[in-house]
Amino acid sequence: MILSKARRSMQIGLWLGSLSVILSLNANSQVKTETKVEEGLPSQTVKIETAEVVYVSGSDLVVKTEDGELRHFPNVSDDKTVTVAGEKLTVHDLKPGMKLQRTTITSTTPRKITTIKTVKGKVWRVSPPTSVVLTLEDGTNQSFNIPKGQKFDVNGQVTDAWGLKAGMDISATAVSETPETVVSQEVIRTGAAAPPKLDPPKQGEALLIIVVPAK
């Protein structure tokens, strides 16, 4: 299971000449894309729940939790097994009095996905300082936004969007970073058989005491 935050930062840089990065080609456009995934340190939480089987009939199960609450689980599927004495049991094998334990291990791993997109083209029109239209390799024109404060290298000279002119061959690069959290769970179900019922002690033979009156 993956939870993605909405925060995303985008930065676009334009350089004259070729970009010295090996990129994979996106077949659906003239944009080439490289994706990097960086994972952080994972964390784990462990939750242990115990209960006792009170009633079971077919796929219906009723258990009593530690705090005395009765919980009903209807239509328990056969893939939900409980390991008792090394044997996997389904709901049909459970008996009243059995002790059940469910251990849930939740692992959370943060990661950052960095996507680098690059496109080559010729400046067709520039609207400094916010956008530029490029003629791509397939002959189509596409508009790109320019972030505030972006600088450009033109023949070794650093300039801003105002230094771009129609007809310049340039390469455009966009970098986006998306933080995500990957959550996975492992559930371990174990149990113990119900303790055997003890038979009541057998009564011994009655001792007959005869009292003989004294003569």
N, C-alpha and C. Protein backbone atom coordinates (compact mmCIF):
# COMPACT_ATOMS: atom_id res chain seq x y z
N MET A 1 0.81 -1.16 0.00
CA MET A 1 0.00 0.00 0.00
C MET A 1 0.85 1.21 0.00
N ILE A 2 0.55 2.46 -1.00
CA ILE A 2 1.39 3.64 -1.07
C ILE A 2 0.56 4.87 -0.79
N LEU A 3 1.00 5.93 0.18
CA LEU A 3 0.33 7.16 0.49
C LEU A 3 1.18 8.31 -0.04
N SER A 4 0.73 9.10 -1.06
CA SER A 4 1.52 10.16 -1.70
C SER A 4 1.06 11.53 -1.23
N LYS A 5 2.03 12.40 -0.80
CA LYS A 5 1.69 13.75 -0.40
C LYS A 5 1.56 14.63 -1.64
N ALA A 6 0.76 15.71 -1.53
CA ALA A 6 0.48 16.53 -2.68
C ALA A 6 1.59 17.51 -2.97
N ARG A 7 2.50 17.72 -2.02
CA ARG A 7 3.54 18.73 -2.21
C ARG A 7 4.49 18.30 -3.33
N ARG A 8 4.70 19.19 -4.26
CA ARG A 8 5.60 18.89 -5.38
C ARG A 8 6.30 20.18 -5.79
N SER A 9 7.59 20.11 -5.96
CA SER A 9 8.35 21.27 -6.41
C SER A 9 8.81 21.03 -7.84
N MET A 10 8.75 22.09 -8.66
CA MET A 10 9.10 21.97 -10.07
C MET A 10 10.11 23.06 -10.41
N GLN A 11 11.16 22.68 -11.08
CA GLN A 11 12.17 23.64 -11.50
C GLN A 11 12.55 23.33 -12.93
N ILE A 12 12.59 24.34 -13.74
CA ILE A 12 12.92 24.16 -15.16
C ILE A 12 14.18 24.96 -15.47
N GLY A 13 15.15 24.32 -16.09
CA GLY A 13 16.37 25.01 -16.50
C GLY A 13 16.60 24.81 -17.99
N LEU A 14 17.09 25.83 -18.66
CA LEU A 14 17.36 25.75 -20.09
C LEU A 14 18.84 26.03 -20.32
N TRP A 15 19.47 25.20 -21.14
CA TRP A 15 20.88 25.38 -21.48
C TRP A 15 21.05 25.25 -23.00
N LEU A 16 21.99 25.99 -23.52
CA LEU A 16 22.36 25.80 -24.93
C LEU A 16 23.22 24.56 -25.03
N GLY A 17 23.13 23.86 -26.19
CA GLY A 17 23.94 22.68 -26.41
C GLY A 17 23.29 21.45 -25.84
N SER A 18 24.06 20.36 -25.73
CA SER A 18 23.53 19.08 -25.30
C SER A 18 23.67 18.93 -23.80
N LEU A 19 22.82 18.09 -23.20
CA LEU A 19 22.84 17.82 -21.77
C LEU A 19 23.58 16.50 -21.55
N SER A 20 24.62 16.51 -20.69
CA SER A 20 25.46 15.32 -20.51
C SER A 20 24.86 14.39 -19.45
N VAL A 21 23.62 13.94 -19.65
CA VAL A 21 22.95 12.98 -18.78
C VAL A 21 22.29 11.93 -19.66
N ILE A 22 22.47 10.65 -19.31
CA ILE A 22 21.83 9.58 -20.08
C ILE A 22 20.38 9.47 -19.64
N LEU A 23 19.45 9.68 -20.55
CA LEU A 23 18.03 9.69 -20.23
C LEU A 23 17.28 8.67 -21.08
N SER A 24 16.19 8.12 -20.53
CA SER A 24 15.36 7.19 -21.27
C SER A 24 14.28 7.95 -22.03
N LEU A 25 13.95 7.50 -23.22
CA LEU A 25 13.01 8.19 -24.09
C LEU A 25 11.58 7.78 -23.78
N ASN A 26 10.72 8.79 -23.56
CA ASN A 26 9.29 8.57 -23.42
C ASN A 26 8.71 8.49 -24.82
N ALA A 27 8.22 7.31 -25.22
CA ALA A 27 7.78 7.07 -26.59
C ALA A 27 6.55 7.88 -26.96
N ASN A 28 5.82 8.44 -25.96
CA ASN A 28 4.59 9.16 -26.26
C ASN A 28 4.83 10.63 -26.58
N SER A 29 6.07 11.14 -26.44
CA SER A 29 6.34 12.54 -26.72
C SER A 29 7.81 12.71 -27.03
N GLN A 30 8.20 13.98 -27.21
CA GLN A 30 9.60 14.30 -27.45
C GLN A 30 10.36 14.51 -26.14
N VAL A 31 9.69 14.33 -25.02
CA VAL A 31 10.31 14.53 -23.71
C VAL A 31 10.99 13.25 -23.26
N LYS A 32 12.25 13.34 -22.85
CA LYS A 32 12.99 12.21 -22.32
C LYS A 32 12.96 12.27 -20.80
N THR A 33 12.78 11.11 -20.14
CA THR A 33 12.53 11.08 -18.71
C THR A 33 13.49 10.14 -17.99
N GLU A 34 14.00 10.58 -16.84
CA GLU A 34 14.79 9.76 -15.94
C GLU A 34 14.16 9.86 -14.55
N THR A 35 13.96 8.72 -13.89
CA THR A 35 13.34 8.70 -12.56
C THR A 35 14.27 8.05 -11.56
N LYS A 36 14.45 8.71 -10.41
CA LYS A 36 15.27 8.18 -9.33
C LYS A 36 14.41 8.04 -8.08
N VAL A 37 14.60 6.93 -7.34
CA VAL A 37 13.85 6.69 -6.11
C VAL A 37 14.85 6.56 -4.96
N GLU A 38 14.70 7.42 -3.95
CA GLU A 38 15.55 7.36 -2.76
C GLU A 38 14.68 6.97 -1.57
N GLU A 39 15.05 5.90 -0.86
CA GLU A 39 14.28 5.43 0.28
C GLU A 39 14.96 5.85 1.58
N GLY A 40 14.14 6.25 2.55
CA GLY A 40 14.64 6.60 3.86
C GLY A 40 14.64 5.40 4.79
N LEU A 41 14.91 5.64 6.06
CA LEU A 41 14.95 4.55 7.04
C LEU A 41 13.53 4.12 7.38
N PRO A 42 13.23 2.81 7.28
CA PRO A 42 11.87 2.33 7.61
C PRO A 42 11.65 2.29 9.11
N SER A 43 10.40 2.38 9.52
CA SER A 43 10.03 2.24 10.92
C SER A 43 8.95 1.17 11.03
N GLN A 44 8.87 0.53 12.19
CA GLN A 44 7.90 -0.56 12.40
C GLN A 44 7.12 -0.34 13.69
N THR A 45 5.85 -0.73 13.64
CA THR A 45 5.03 -0.78 14.84
C THR A 45 4.43 -2.18 14.93
N VAL A 46 4.32 -2.69 16.16
CA VAL A 46 3.79 -4.03 16.38
C VAL A 46 2.56 -3.92 17.29
N LYS A 47 1.46 -4.51 16.86
CA LYS A 47 0.23 -4.51 17.65
C LYS A 47 -0.19 -5.95 17.90
N ILE A 48 -0.38 -6.30 19.16
CA ILE A 48 -0.75 -7.67 19.54
C ILE A 48 -2.15 -7.65 20.16
N GLU A 49 -3.04 -8.48 19.62
CA GLU A 49 -4.40 -8.61 20.12
C GLU A 49 -4.68 -10.07 20.47
N THR A 50 -5.30 -10.30 21.61
CA THR A 50 -5.64 -11.65 22.02
C THR A 50 -7.14 -11.76 22.27
N ALA A 51 -7.67 -12.98 22.09
CA ALA A 51 -9.09 -13.22 22.30
C ALA A 51 -9.32 -14.71 22.51
N GLU A 52 -10.53 -15.04 22.96
CA GLU A 52 -10.91 -16.43 23.19
C GLU A 52 -12.14 -16.75 22.35
N VAL A 53 -12.11 -17.91 21.70
CA VAL A 53 -13.25 -18.33 20.89
C VAL A 53 -14.43 -18.63 21.82
N VAL A 54 -15.56 -17.97 21.54
CA VAL A 54 -16.77 -18.19 22.33
C VAL A 54 -17.77 -19.04 21.57
N TYR A 55 -17.88 -18.76 20.26
CA TYR A 55 -18.89 -19.48 19.45
C TYR A 55 -18.37 -19.55 18.03
N VAL A 56 -18.57 -20.68 17.39
CA VAL A 56 -18.21 -20.85 15.98
C VAL A 56 -19.22 -21.76 15.32
N SER A 57 -19.71 -21.35 14.17
CA SER A 57 -20.67 -22.14 13.41
C SER A 57 -20.46 -21.84 11.93
N GLY A 58 -19.99 -22.85 11.19
CA GLY A 58 -19.70 -22.62 9.78
C GLY A 58 -18.59 -21.60 9.64
N SER A 59 -18.90 -20.47 8.97
CA SER A 59 -17.91 -19.41 8.78
C SER A 59 -18.12 -18.25 9.75
N ASP A 60 -19.06 -18.39 10.68
CA ASP A 60 -19.32 -17.34 11.65
C ASP A 60 -18.51 -17.60 12.92
N LEU A 61 -17.89 -16.53 13.42
CA LEU A 61 -17.02 -16.65 14.58
C LEU A 61 -17.32 -15.53 15.56
N VAL A 62 -17.43 -15.89 16.83
CA VAL A 62 -17.59 -14.91 17.90
C VAL A 62 -16.46 -15.13 18.89
N VAL A 63 -15.73 -14.04 19.21
CA VAL A 63 -14.63 -14.14 20.16
C VAL A 63 -14.85 -13.12 21.27
N LYS A 64 -14.17 -13.36 22.38
CA LYS A 64 -14.19 -12.46 23.52
C LYS A 64 -12.80 -11.88 23.70
N THR A 65 -12.70 -10.54 23.63
CA THR A 65 -11.40 -9.88 23.70
C THR A 65 -10.93 -9.77 25.15
N GLU A 66 -9.71 -9.25 25.31
CA GLU A 66 -9.12 -9.13 26.65
C GLU A 66 -9.98 -8.26 27.57
N ASP A 67 -10.60 -7.23 26.99
CA ASP A 67 -11.40 -6.32 27.82
C ASP A 67 -12.84 -6.80 28.00
N GLY A 68 -13.13 -8.04 27.58
CA GLY A 68 -14.45 -8.61 27.79
C GLY A 68 -15.46 -8.32 26.70
N GLU A 69 -15.04 -7.67 25.62
CA GLU A 69 -15.96 -7.34 24.52
C GLU A 69 -16.17 -8.56 23.62
N LEU A 70 -17.42 -8.78 23.24
CA LEU A 70 -17.74 -9.85 22.28
C LEU A 70 -17.71 -9.27 20.88
N ARG A 71 -16.94 -9.92 19.99
CA ARG A 71 -16.83 -9.44 18.61
C ARG A 71 -17.25 -10.55 17.66
N HIS A 72 -18.10 -10.19 16.72
CA HIS A 72 -18.64 -11.15 15.76
C HIS A 72 -17.96 -10.96 14.41
N PHE A 73 -17.44 -12.05 13.83
CA PHE A 73 -16.81 -12.03 12.52
C PHE A 73 -17.61 -12.95 11.59
N PRO A 74 -18.52 -12.41 10.80
CA PRO A 74 -19.30 -13.25 9.89
C PRO A 74 -18.52 -13.57 8.62
N ASN A 75 -18.80 -14.72 8.05
CA ASN A 75 -18.23 -15.11 6.75
C ASN A 75 -16.70 -15.01 6.73
N VAL A 76 -16.05 -15.63 7.69
CA VAL A 76 -14.58 -15.67 7.72
C VAL A 76 -14.10 -16.58 6.59
N SER A 77 -13.23 -16.04 5.73
CA SER A 77 -12.76 -16.82 4.58
C SER A 77 -11.74 -17.87 5.01
N ASP A 78 -11.62 -18.92 4.21
CA ASP A 78 -10.71 -20.02 4.54
C ASP A 78 -9.24 -19.64 4.45
N ASP A 79 -8.92 -18.52 3.80
CA ASP A 79 -7.51 -18.12 3.71
C ASP A 79 -7.04 -17.43 4.99
N LYS A 80 -7.95 -17.15 5.90
CA LYS A 80 -7.57 -16.60 7.21
C LYS A 80 -7.31 -17.78 8.15
N THR A 81 -6.05 -18.16 8.26
CA THR A 81 -5.70 -19.35 9.04
C THR A 81 -5.05 -18.96 10.36
N VAL A 82 -5.11 -19.87 11.31
CA VAL A 82 -4.50 -19.70 12.63
C VAL A 82 -3.54 -20.87 12.84
N THR A 83 -2.32 -20.56 13.25
CA THR A 83 -1.33 -21.60 13.50
C THR A 83 -1.42 -22.05 14.96
N VAL A 84 -1.80 -23.31 15.14
CA VAL A 84 -1.91 -23.90 16.47
C VAL A 84 -1.04 -25.16 16.49
N ALA A 85 -0.04 -25.18 17.36
CA ALA A 85 0.86 -26.33 17.48
C ALA A 85 1.47 -26.71 16.13
N GLY A 86 1.83 -25.70 15.35
CA GLY A 86 2.47 -25.94 14.05
C GLY A 86 1.52 -26.29 12.93
N GLU A 87 0.23 -26.34 13.19
CA GLU A 87 -0.75 -26.71 12.17
C GLU A 87 -1.63 -25.50 11.85
N LYS A 88 -1.87 -25.29 10.54
CA LYS A 88 -2.71 -24.17 10.11
C LYS A 88 -4.18 -24.60 10.15
N LEU A 89 -4.97 -23.88 10.91
CA LEU A 89 -6.39 -24.17 11.06
C LEU A 89 -7.23 -23.07 10.43
N THR A 90 -8.34 -23.46 9.80
CA THR A 90 -9.31 -22.50 9.28
C THR A 90 -10.38 -22.29 10.34
N VAL A 91 -11.34 -21.42 10.02
CA VAL A 91 -12.41 -21.13 10.97
C VAL A 91 -13.20 -22.38 11.31
N HIS A 92 -13.25 -23.34 10.36
CA HIS A 92 -14.03 -24.56 10.59
C HIS A 92 -13.36 -25.48 11.62
N ASP A 93 -12.07 -25.24 11.90
CA ASP A 93 -11.35 -26.09 12.85
C ASP A 93 -11.34 -25.51 14.26
N LEU A 94 -11.83 -24.29 14.42
CA LEU A 94 -11.77 -23.66 15.73
C LEU A 94 -12.83 -24.23 16.66
N LYS A 95 -12.52 -24.20 17.94
CA LYS A 95 -13.42 -24.71 18.96
C LYS A 95 -13.56 -23.66 20.07
N PRO A 96 -14.73 -23.62 20.72
CA PRO A 96 -14.89 -22.71 21.86
C PRO A 96 -13.83 -23.00 22.92
N GLY A 97 -13.30 -21.94 23.48
CA GLY A 97 -12.26 -22.07 24.49
C GLY A 97 -10.87 -21.88 23.95
N MET A 98 -10.69 -21.94 22.62
CA MET A 98 -9.37 -21.73 22.04
C MET A 98 -8.91 -20.29 22.27
N LYS A 99 -7.62 -20.12 22.53
CA LYS A 99 -7.02 -18.80 22.69
C LYS A 99 -6.40 -18.38 21.36
N LEU A 100 -6.74 -17.19 20.90
CA LEU A 100 -6.23 -16.68 19.62
C LEU A 100 -5.39 -15.43 19.87
N GLN A 101 -4.37 -15.26 19.02
CA GLN A 101 -3.53 -14.07 19.09
C GLN A 101 -3.25 -13.57 17.67
N ARG A 102 -3.46 -12.28 17.46
CA ARG A 102 -3.17 -11.67 16.16
C ARG A 102 -2.10 -10.60 16.34
N THR A 103 -0.97 -10.79 15.63
CA THR A 103 0.14 -9.84 15.68
C THR A 103 0.21 -9.11 14.34
N THR A 104 0.05 -7.79 14.38
CA THR A 104 0.09 -6.98 13.17
C THR A 104 1.36 -6.14 13.17
N ILE A 105 2.22 -6.37 12.17
CA ILE A 105 3.47 -5.63 12.03
C ILE A 105 3.30 -4.64 10.86
N THR A 106 3.36 -3.36 11.17
CA THR A 106 3.21 -2.32 10.15
C THR A 106 4.56 -1.67 9.88
N SER A 107 5.00 -1.73 8.63
CA SER A 107 6.28 -1.12 8.22
C SER A 107 6.01 0.13 7.39
N THR A 108 6.65 1.23 7.76
CA THR A 108 6.48 2.50 7.06
C THR A 108 7.83 2.96 6.53
N THR A 109 7.92 3.16 5.22
CA THR A 109 9.18 3.57 4.59
C THR A 109 8.98 4.86 3.81
N PRO A 110 9.62 5.96 4.21
CA PRO A 110 9.53 7.19 3.41
C PRO A 110 10.44 7.10 2.20
N ARG A 111 10.03 7.71 1.12
CA ARG A 111 10.90 7.75 -0.06
C ARG A 111 10.61 8.99 -0.88
N LYS A 112 11.60 9.38 -1.66
CA LYS A 112 11.48 10.56 -2.52
C LYS A 112 11.70 10.14 -3.96
N ILE A 113 10.75 10.50 -4.81
CA ILE A 113 10.85 10.19 -6.24
C ILE A 113 11.24 11.46 -6.98
N THR A 114 12.40 11.43 -7.62
CA THR A 114 12.88 12.57 -8.41
C THR A 114 12.74 12.24 -9.89
N THR A 115 12.01 13.07 -10.60
CA THR A 115 11.79 12.88 -12.03
C THR A 115 12.46 14.01 -12.80
N ILE A 116 13.34 13.64 -13.71
CA ILE A 116 14.05 14.62 -14.54
C ILE A 116 13.58 14.44 -15.99
N LYS A 117 13.02 15.50 -16.53
CA LYS A 117 12.56 15.47 -17.92
C LYS A 117 13.37 16.48 -18.73
N THR A 118 13.78 16.10 -19.91
CA THR A 118 14.53 17.00 -20.77
C THR A 118 13.95 16.98 -22.18
N VAL A 119 14.05 18.12 -22.85
CA VAL A 119 13.53 18.24 -24.21
C VAL A 119 14.45 19.17 -24.99
N LYS A 120 14.74 18.82 -26.23
CA LYS A 120 15.56 19.66 -27.09
C LYS A 120 14.69 20.33 -28.14
N GLY A 121 15.05 21.58 -28.47
CA GLY A 121 14.28 22.27 -29.50
C GLY A 121 14.89 23.62 -29.84
N LYS A 122 14.23 24.32 -30.74
CA LYS A 122 14.66 25.65 -31.19
C LYS A 122 13.66 26.67 -30.66
N VAL A 123 14.19 27.78 -30.11
CA VAL A 123 13.31 28.83 -29.61
C VAL A 123 12.48 29.39 -30.77
N TRP A 124 11.16 29.24 -30.63
CA TRP A 124 10.26 29.77 -31.65
C TRP A 124 9.73 31.13 -31.22
N ARG A 125 9.40 31.21 -29.93
CA ARG A 125 8.93 32.49 -29.37
C ARG A 125 9.20 32.48 -27.88
N VAL A 126 9.59 33.62 -27.34
CA VAL A 126 9.85 33.72 -25.91
C VAL A 126 9.05 34.88 -25.35
N SER A 127 8.43 34.67 -24.20
CA SER A 127 7.67 35.71 -23.50
C SER A 127 8.30 35.88 -22.11
N PRO A 128 9.42 36.60 -22.06
CA PRO A 128 10.12 36.73 -20.78
C PRO A 128 9.28 37.54 -19.77
N PRO A 129 9.37 37.18 -18.50
CA PRO A 129 10.25 36.13 -17.95
C PRO A 129 9.50 34.84 -17.61
N THR A 130 8.31 34.62 -18.23
CA THR A 130 7.46 33.52 -17.74
C THR A 130 7.41 32.29 -18.62
N SER A 131 7.60 32.40 -19.94
CA SER A 131 7.41 31.22 -20.79
C SER A 131 8.23 31.32 -22.07
N VAL A 132 8.44 30.13 -22.67
CA VAL A 132 9.12 30.05 -23.95
C VAL A 132 8.46 28.95 -24.77
N VAL A 133 8.34 29.17 -26.06
CA VAL A 133 7.78 28.17 -26.98
C VAL A 133 8.92 27.60 -27.81
N LEU A 134 9.04 26.25 -27.79
CA LEU A 134 10.09 25.58 -28.54
C LEU A 134 9.52 24.80 -29.70
N THR A 135 10.26 24.77 -30.79
CA THR A 135 9.95 23.87 -31.89
C THR A 135 10.71 22.57 -31.64
N LEU A 136 9.97 21.48 -31.43
CA LEU A 136 10.59 20.22 -31.04
C LEU A 136 11.15 19.48 -32.25
N GLU A 137 11.81 18.34 -31.96
CA GLU A 137 12.47 17.58 -33.03
C GLU A 137 11.48 17.04 -34.05
N ASP A 138 10.20 16.85 -33.64
CA ASP A 138 9.21 16.34 -34.58
C ASP A 138 8.50 17.45 -35.34
N GLY A 139 8.94 18.72 -35.13
CA GLY A 139 8.38 19.84 -35.85
C GLY A 139 7.21 20.52 -35.17
N THR A 140 6.74 19.99 -34.04
CA THR A 140 5.63 20.61 -33.32
C THR A 140 6.15 21.66 -32.36
N ASN A 141 5.28 22.63 -32.01
CA ASN A 141 5.62 23.67 -31.05
C ASN A 141 4.99 23.36 -29.70
N GLN A 142 5.75 23.60 -28.62
CA GLN A 142 5.24 23.36 -27.28
C GLN A 142 5.72 24.45 -26.35
N SER A 143 4.81 24.92 -25.47
CA SER A 143 5.12 26.00 -24.54
C SER A 143 5.62 25.43 -23.21
N PHE A 144 6.61 26.09 -22.60
CA PHE A 144 7.16 25.70 -21.31
C PHE A 144 7.18 26.90 -20.39
N ASN A 145 6.82 26.69 -19.11
CA ASN A 145 6.88 27.75 -18.11
C ASN A 145 8.30 27.90 -17.59
N ILE A 146 8.69 29.12 -17.29
CA ILE A 146 10.02 29.41 -16.75
C ILE A 146 9.85 29.88 -15.31
N PRO A 147 10.46 29.20 -14.34
CA PRO A 147 10.33 29.63 -12.94
C PRO A 147 11.04 30.94 -12.68
N LYS A 148 10.58 31.61 -11.64
CA LYS A 148 11.15 32.91 -11.28
C LYS A 148 12.62 32.76 -10.90
N GLY A 149 13.46 33.67 -11.43
CA GLY A 149 14.87 33.67 -11.10
C GLY A 149 15.73 32.70 -11.88
N GLN A 150 15.14 31.99 -12.87
CA GLN A 150 15.92 31.02 -13.64
C GLN A 150 17.00 31.70 -14.46
N LYS A 151 18.21 31.14 -14.43
CA LYS A 151 19.32 31.67 -15.22
C LYS A 151 19.66 30.70 -16.34
N PHE A 152 20.25 31.21 -17.41
CA PHE A 152 20.57 30.41 -18.59
C PHE A 152 22.02 30.66 -19.00
N ASP A 153 22.63 29.61 -19.55
CA ASP A 153 24.00 29.71 -20.05
C ASP A 153 23.94 29.81 -21.56
N VAL A 154 24.28 30.97 -22.07
CA VAL A 154 24.26 31.20 -23.52
C VAL A 154 25.70 31.46 -23.97
N ASN A 155 26.29 30.45 -24.64
CA ASN A 155 27.66 30.57 -25.13
C ASN A 155 28.63 30.99 -24.01
N GLY A 156 28.43 30.39 -22.83
CA GLY A 156 29.33 30.68 -21.71
C GLY A 156 28.93 31.90 -20.91
N GLN A 157 27.91 32.64 -21.35
CA GLN A 157 27.44 33.82 -20.64
C GLN A 157 26.15 33.50 -19.90
N VAL A 158 26.11 33.88 -18.60
CA VAL A 158 24.92 33.65 -17.80
C VAL A 158 23.92 34.76 -18.04
N THR A 159 22.70 34.39 -18.38
CA THR A 159 21.66 35.37 -18.62
C THR A 159 20.33 34.84 -18.11
N ASP A 160 19.30 35.67 -18.17
CA ASP A 160 17.97 35.24 -17.76
C ASP A 160 17.11 35.05 -19.00
N ALA A 161 15.79 34.93 -18.80
CA ALA A 161 14.89 34.66 -19.93
C ALA A 161 14.92 35.78 -20.96
N TRP A 162 15.29 36.98 -20.53
CA TRP A 162 15.35 38.10 -21.48
C TRP A 162 16.46 37.92 -22.50
N GLY A 163 17.43 37.03 -22.21
CA GLY A 163 18.53 36.82 -23.15
C GLY A 163 18.23 35.79 -24.22
N LEU A 164 17.09 35.10 -24.14
CA LEU A 164 16.73 34.11 -25.15
C LEU A 164 16.18 34.81 -26.39
N LYS A 165 16.58 34.28 -27.56
CA LYS A 165 16.15 34.86 -28.82
C LYS A 165 15.62 33.75 -29.72
N ALA A 166 14.71 34.10 -30.59
CA ALA A 166 14.16 33.14 -31.55
C ALA A 166 15.28 32.57 -32.41
N GLY A 167 15.21 31.27 -32.66
CA GLY A 167 16.19 30.60 -33.49
C GLY A 167 17.30 29.91 -32.70
N MET A 168 17.40 30.18 -31.40
CA MET A 168 18.44 29.53 -30.58
C MET A 168 18.10 28.05 -30.39
N ASP A 169 19.09 27.17 -30.56
CA ASP A 169 18.93 25.75 -30.25
C ASP A 169 19.25 25.55 -28.77
N ILE A 170 18.29 25.05 -28.03
CA ILE A 170 18.48 24.89 -26.59
C ILE A 170 17.96 23.54 -26.11
N SER A 171 18.32 23.20 -24.87
CA SER A 171 17.83 21.99 -24.22
C SER A 171 17.15 22.41 -22.92
N ALA A 172 15.92 21.94 -22.70
CA ALA A 172 15.16 22.31 -21.50
C ALA A 172 15.07 21.11 -20.56
N THR A 173 15.27 21.36 -19.25
CA THR A 173 15.21 20.31 -18.25
C THR A 173 14.24 20.70 -17.14
N ALA A 174 13.35 19.75 -16.76
CA ALA A 174 12.41 19.97 -15.66
C ALA A 174 12.67 18.92 -14.59
N VAL A 175 12.77 19.36 -13.34
CA VAL A 175 13.02 18.46 -12.22
C VAL A 175 11.88 18.56 -11.23
N SER A 176 11.25 17.42 -10.90
CA SER A 176 10.18 17.41 -9.90
C SER A 176 10.51 16.39 -8.82
N GLU A 177 10.19 16.74 -7.57
CA GLU A 177 10.42 15.86 -6.44
C GLU A 177 9.09 15.58 -5.75
N THR A 178 8.77 14.29 -5.57
CA THR A 178 7.52 13.89 -4.95
C THR A 178 7.80 12.98 -3.76
N PRO A 179 7.51 13.46 -2.53
CA PRO A 179 7.69 12.59 -1.36
C PRO A 179 6.53 11.61 -1.25
N GLU A 180 6.83 10.37 -0.89
CA GLU A 180 5.81 9.34 -0.73
C GLU A 180 6.10 8.54 0.53
N THR A 181 5.08 7.86 1.00
CA THR A 181 5.24 6.95 2.14
C THR A 181 4.69 5.59 1.74
N VAL A 182 5.53 4.56 1.82
CA VAL A 182 5.12 3.20 1.49
C VAL A 182 4.79 2.47 2.79
N VAL A 183 3.57 1.97 2.89
CA VAL A 183 3.11 1.29 4.10
C VAL A 183 2.77 -0.16 3.75
N SER A 184 3.32 -1.11 4.49
CA SER A 184 3.02 -2.52 4.30
C SER A 184 2.70 -3.14 5.66
N GLN A 185 1.87 -4.18 5.62
CA GLN A 185 1.47 -4.85 6.86
C GLN A 185 1.64 -6.35 6.74
N GLU A 186 2.05 -6.96 7.83
CA GLU A 186 2.13 -8.42 7.95
C GLU A 186 1.32 -8.83 9.17
N VAL A 187 0.39 -9.78 8.96
CA VAL A 187 -0.47 -10.24 10.05
C VAL A 187 -0.14 -11.70 10.35
N ILE A 188 0.17 -11.98 11.60
CA ILE A 188 0.50 -13.34 12.06
C ILE A 188 -0.57 -13.76 13.05
N ARG A 189 -1.23 -14.89 12.75
CA ARG A 189 -2.29 -15.39 13.62
C ARG A 189 -1.85 -16.71 14.26
N THR A 190 -1.84 -16.75 15.56
CA THR A 190 -1.49 -17.96 16.29
C THR A 190 -2.57 -18.25 17.32
N GLY A 191 -2.54 -19.46 17.86
CA GLY A 191 -3.54 -19.82 18.84
C GLY A 191 -3.11 -21.01 19.67
N ALA A 192 -3.91 -21.31 20.67
CA ALA A 192 -3.67 -22.46 21.54
C ALA A 192 -4.98 -23.19 21.74
N ALA A 193 -4.90 -24.51 21.76
CA ALA A 193 -6.10 -25.32 21.93
C ALA A 193 -6.72 -25.05 23.29
N ALA A 194 -8.02 -25.28 23.35
CA ALA A 194 -8.73 -25.10 24.61
C ALA A 194 -8.23 -26.12 25.63
N PRO A 195 -8.11 -25.73 26.89
CA PRO A 195 -7.66 -26.69 27.91
C PRO A 195 -8.67 -27.82 28.04
N PRO A 196 -8.20 -29.03 28.27
CA PRO A 196 -9.13 -30.16 28.38
C PRO A 196 -10.04 -30.01 29.59
N LYS A 197 -11.25 -30.48 29.42
CA LYS A 197 -12.20 -30.43 30.52
C LYS A 197 -11.86 -31.54 31.51
N LEU A 198 -11.85 -31.19 32.76
CA LEU A 198 -11.55 -32.15 33.81
C LEU A 198 -12.83 -32.84 34.27
N ASP A 199 -12.79 -34.18 34.29
CA ASP A 199 -13.96 -34.92 34.78
C ASP A 199 -14.06 -34.75 36.29
N PRO A 200 -15.30 -34.67 36.80
CA PRO A 200 -15.47 -34.54 38.25
C PRO A 200 -14.95 -35.80 38.94
N PRO A 201 -14.38 -35.68 40.12
CA PRO A 201 -13.84 -36.85 40.83
C PRO A 201 -14.94 -37.87 41.13
N LYS A 202 -14.58 -39.16 40.95
CA LYS A 202 -15.54 -40.22 41.23
C LYS A 202 -15.76 -40.35 42.74
N GLN A 203 -17.01 -40.57 43.07
CA GLN A 203 -17.33 -40.74 44.48
C GLN A 203 -16.92 -42.14 44.94
N GLY A 204 -16.30 -42.25 46.13
CA GLY A 204 -15.92 -43.55 46.67
C GLY A 204 -17.13 -44.29 47.25
N GLU A 205 -16.91 -45.54 47.60
CA GLU A 205 -18.00 -46.32 48.18
C GLU A 205 -18.37 -45.77 49.55
N ALA A 206 -19.64 -45.78 49.84
CA ALA A 206 -20.12 -45.29 51.13
C ALA A 206 -19.67 -46.21 52.26
N LEU A 207 -19.23 -45.62 53.31
CA LEU A 207 -18.80 -46.39 54.47
C LEU A 207 -19.99 -46.56 55.40
N LEU A 208 -20.38 -47.81 55.57
CA LEU A 208 -21.55 -48.10 56.41
C LEU A 208 -21.06 -48.33 57.84
N ILE A 209 -21.52 -47.48 58.70
CA ILE A 209 -21.15 -47.61 60.11
C ILE A 209 -22.37 -48.11 60.88
N ILE A 210 -22.20 -49.22 61.53
CA ILE A 210 -23.29 -49.79 62.34
C ILE A 210 -22.96 -49.56 63.80
N VAL A 211 -23.84 -48.89 64.43
CA VAL A 211 -23.65 -48.62 65.84
C VAL A 211 -24.43 -49.66 66.64
N VAL A 212 -23.69 -50.43 67.42
CA VAL A 212 -24.33 -51.47 68.25
C VAL A 212 -24.49 -50.91 69.66
N PRO A 213 -25.72 -50.83 70.07
CA PRO A 213 -25.94 -50.28 71.41
C PRO A 213 -25.28 -51.16 72.47
N ALA A 214 -24.74 -50.55 73.49
CA ALA A 214 -24.07 -51.28 74.58
C ALA A 214 -25.11 -52.02 75.41
N LYS A 215 -24.74 -53.22 75.78
CA LYS A 215 -25.64 -54.01 76.61
C LYS A 215 -25.36 -53.72 78.07
